[in-house]
Amino acid sequence: MPALVIDELRNSVSDGDLIKAIVQANEHGTSSELVETFQQRLFKRWLKKRVSPTDISQANKVTKESELTVLKAYEEFWRRKKKYIF
């Protein structure tokens, strides 16, 4: 799929539709690069609403320990989102 089409999809699809598509793809074991990109986009939006710019800039100076913290937050995000879909 051309990069331009992927970028357009990223910007025009609602979060709700993305979540449904991601859950369906994961259930059927067909998670693709595009779905992974959408997951990252949703997570970044969710994270921005809860983290100050100062915290984000400090988090960019990551160590392995803080990377694990981000991964745990990512897992928690998806656990909560799946609860609301069904």
C-alpha atoms as a PDB file:
ATOM      1  CA  MET A   1       0.000   0.000   0.000  1.00  0.00           C
ATOM      2  CA  PRO A   2       1.484   3.393  -0.944  1.00  0.00           C
ATOM      3  CA  ALA A   3       2.713   5.497   1.971  1.00  0.00           C
ATOM      4  CA  LEU A   4       0.425   8.386   0.969  1.00  0.00           C
ATOM      5  CA  VAL A   5      -2.655   6.166   1.276  1.00  0.00           C
ATOM      6  CA  ILE A   6      -1.495   4.890   4.656  1.00  0.00           C
ATOM      7  CA  ASP A   7      -0.953   8.458   5.906  1.00  0.00           C
ATOM      8  CA  GLU A   8      -4.407   9.485   4.685  1.00  0.00           C
ATOM      9  CA  LEU A   9      -5.986   6.529   6.480  1.00  0.00           C
ATOM     10  CA  ARG A  10      -4.137   7.343   9.682  1.00  0.00           C
ATOM     11  CA  ASN A  11      -5.512  10.869   9.670  1.00  0.00           C
ATOM     12  CA  SER A  12      -9.097  10.227   8.571  1.00  0.00           C
ATOM     13  CA  VAL A  13     -10.244   7.137  10.484  1.00  0.00           C
ATOM     14  CA  SER A  14     -11.894   7.634  13.875  1.00  0.00           C
ATOM     15  CA  ASP A  15     -10.349   6.173  17.006  1.00  0.00           C
ATOM     16  CA  GLY A  16     -13.424   3.994  17.562  1.00  0.00           C
ATOM     17  CA  ASP A  17     -13.155   2.461  14.091  1.00  0.00           C
ATOM     18  CA  LEU A  18      -9.426   1.939  14.563  1.00  0.00           C
ATOM     19  CA  ILE A  19      -9.967   0.153  17.850  1.00  0.00           C
ATOM     20  CA  LYS A  20     -12.568  -2.160  16.318  1.00  0.00           C
ATOM     21  CA  ALA A  21     -10.288  -2.950  13.374  1.00  0.00           C
ATOM     22  CA  ILE A  22      -7.335  -3.604  15.674  1.00  0.00           C
ATOM     23  CA  VAL A  23      -9.323  -5.918  17.939  1.00  0.00           C
ATOM     24  CA  GLN A  24     -10.731  -7.848  14.958  1.00  0.00           C
ATOM     25  CA  ALA A  25      -7.311  -8.174  13.348  1.00  0.00           C
ATOM     26  CA  ASN A  26      -5.755  -9.354  16.593  1.00  0.00           C
ATOM     27  CA  GLU A  27      -8.546 -11.888  17.163  1.00  0.00           C
ATOM     28  CA  HIS A  28      -8.003 -13.356  13.703  1.00  0.00           C
ATOM     29  CA  GLY A  29      -4.224 -13.261  13.956  1.00  0.00           C
ATOM     30  CA  THR A  30      -3.966 -10.913  10.994  1.00  0.00           C
ATOM     31  CA  SER A  31      -2.318  -7.979  12.711  1.00  0.00           C
ATOM     32  CA  SER A  32      -0.493  -6.057  10.020  1.00  0.00           C
ATOM     33  CA  GLU A  33       2.006  -3.229   9.945  1.00  0.00           C
ATOM     34  CA  LEU A  34      -0.860  -0.819   9.306  1.00  0.00           C
ATOM     35  CA  VAL A  35      -2.790  -2.039  12.364  1.00  0.00           C
ATOM     36  CA  GLU A  36       0.361  -1.738  14.459  1.00  0.00           C
ATOM     37  CA  THR A  37       0.782   1.837  13.220  1.00  0.00           C
ATOM     38  CA  PHE A  38      -2.814   2.615  14.235  1.00  0.00           C
ATOM     39  CA  GLN A  39      -2.200   1.108  17.685  1.00  0.00           C
ATOM     40  CA  GLN A  40       0.808   3.359  18.122  1.00  0.00           C
ATOM     41  CA  ARG A  41      -1.166   6.405  16.985  1.00  0.00           C
ATOM     42  CA  LEU A  42      -3.952   5.731  19.469  1.00  0.00           C
ATOM     43  CA  PHE A  43      -1.501   5.104  22.274  1.00  0.00           C
ATOM     44  CA  LYS A  44       0.374   8.341  21.550  1.00  0.00           C
ATOM     45  CA  ARG A  45      -2.897  10.309  21.652  1.00  0.00           C
ATOM     46  CA  TRP A  46      -3.890   8.622  24.908  1.00  0.00           C
ATOM     47  CA  LEU A  47      -0.457   9.266  26.384  1.00  0.00           C
ATOM     48  CA  LYS A  48      -0.455  12.956  25.363  1.00  0.00           C
ATOM     49  CA  LYS A  49      -3.706  13.504  27.250  1.00  0.00           C
ATOM     50  CA  ARG A  50      -2.153  12.150  30.452  1.00  0.00           C
ATOM     51  CA  VAL A  51       1.485  13.242  30.319  1.00  0.00           C
ATOM     52  CA  SER A  52       2.912  16.758  30.405  1.00  0.00           C
ATOM     53  CA  PRO A  53       5.351  17.898  27.682  1.00  0.00           C
ATOM     54  CA  THR A  54       8.089  18.093  30.321  1.00  0.00           C
ATOM     55  CA  ASP A  55       7.506  14.481  31.299  1.00  0.00           C
ATOM     56  CA  ILE A  56       7.569  13.448  27.640  1.00  0.00           C
ATOM     57  CA  SER A  57      10.889  15.195  27.000  1.00  0.00           C
ATOM     58  CA  GLN A  58      12.385  13.542  30.064  1.00  0.00           C
ATOM     59  CA  ALA A  59      10.971  10.190  28.963  1.00  0.00           C
ATOM     60  CA  ASN A  60      12.745  10.608  25.638  1.00  0.00           C
ATOM     61  CA  LYS A  61      16.000  10.248  27.565  1.00  0.00           C
ATOM     62  CA  VAL A  62      14.995   6.651  28.169  1.00  0.00           C
ATOM     63  CA  THR A  63      16.799   3.908  29.932  1.00  0.00           C
ATOM     64  CA  LYS A  64      15.798   0.278  29.654  1.00  0.00           C
ATOM     65  CA  GLU A  65      13.829   0.678  32.879  1.00  0.00           C
ATOM     66  CA  SER A  66      11.699   3.553  31.580  1.00  0.00           C
ATOM     67  CA  GLU A  67      11.105   1.696  28.309  1.00  0.00           C
ATOM     68  CA  LEU A  68       9.561  -1.079  30.367  1.00  0.00           C
ATOM     69  CA  THR A  69       7.351   1.479  32.111  1.00  0.00           C
ATOM     70  CA  VAL A  70       6.111   2.729  28.729  1.00  0.00           C
ATOM     71  CA  LEU A  71       5.425  -0.852  27.617  1.00  0.00           C
ATOM     72  CA  LYS A  72       3.425  -1.471  30.795  1.00  0.00           C
ATOM     73  CA  ALA A  73       1.409   1.691  30.144  1.00  0.00           C
ATOM     74  CA  TYR A  74       0.802   0.516  26.557  1.00  0.00           C
ATOM     75  CA  GLU A  75      -0.463  -2.869  27.782  1.00  0.00           C
ATOM     76  CA  GLU A  76      -2.723  -1.184  30.332  1.00  0.00           C
ATOM     77  CA  PHE A  77      -4.102   1.095  27.616  1.00  0.00           C
ATOM     78  CA  TRP A  78      -5.144  -1.878  25.438  1.00  0.00           C
ATOM     79  CA  ARG A  79      -6.508  -3.849  28.365  1.00  0.00           C
ATOM     80  CA  ARG A  80      -8.816  -0.944  29.237  1.00  0.00           C
ATOM     81  CA  LYS A  81      -9.818  -0.226  25.616  1.00  0.00           C
ATOM     82  CA  LYS A  82     -10.849  -3.841  25.013  1.00  0.00           C
ATOM     83  CA  LYS A  83     -13.084  -3.712  28.090  1.00  0.00           C
ATOM     84  CA  TYR A  84     -15.109  -0.857  26.611  1.00  0.00           C
ATOM     85  CA  ILE A  85     -15.511  -2.389  23.159  1.00  0.00           C
ATOM     86  CA  PHE A  86     -17.370  -5.509  24.240  1.00  0.00           C
END
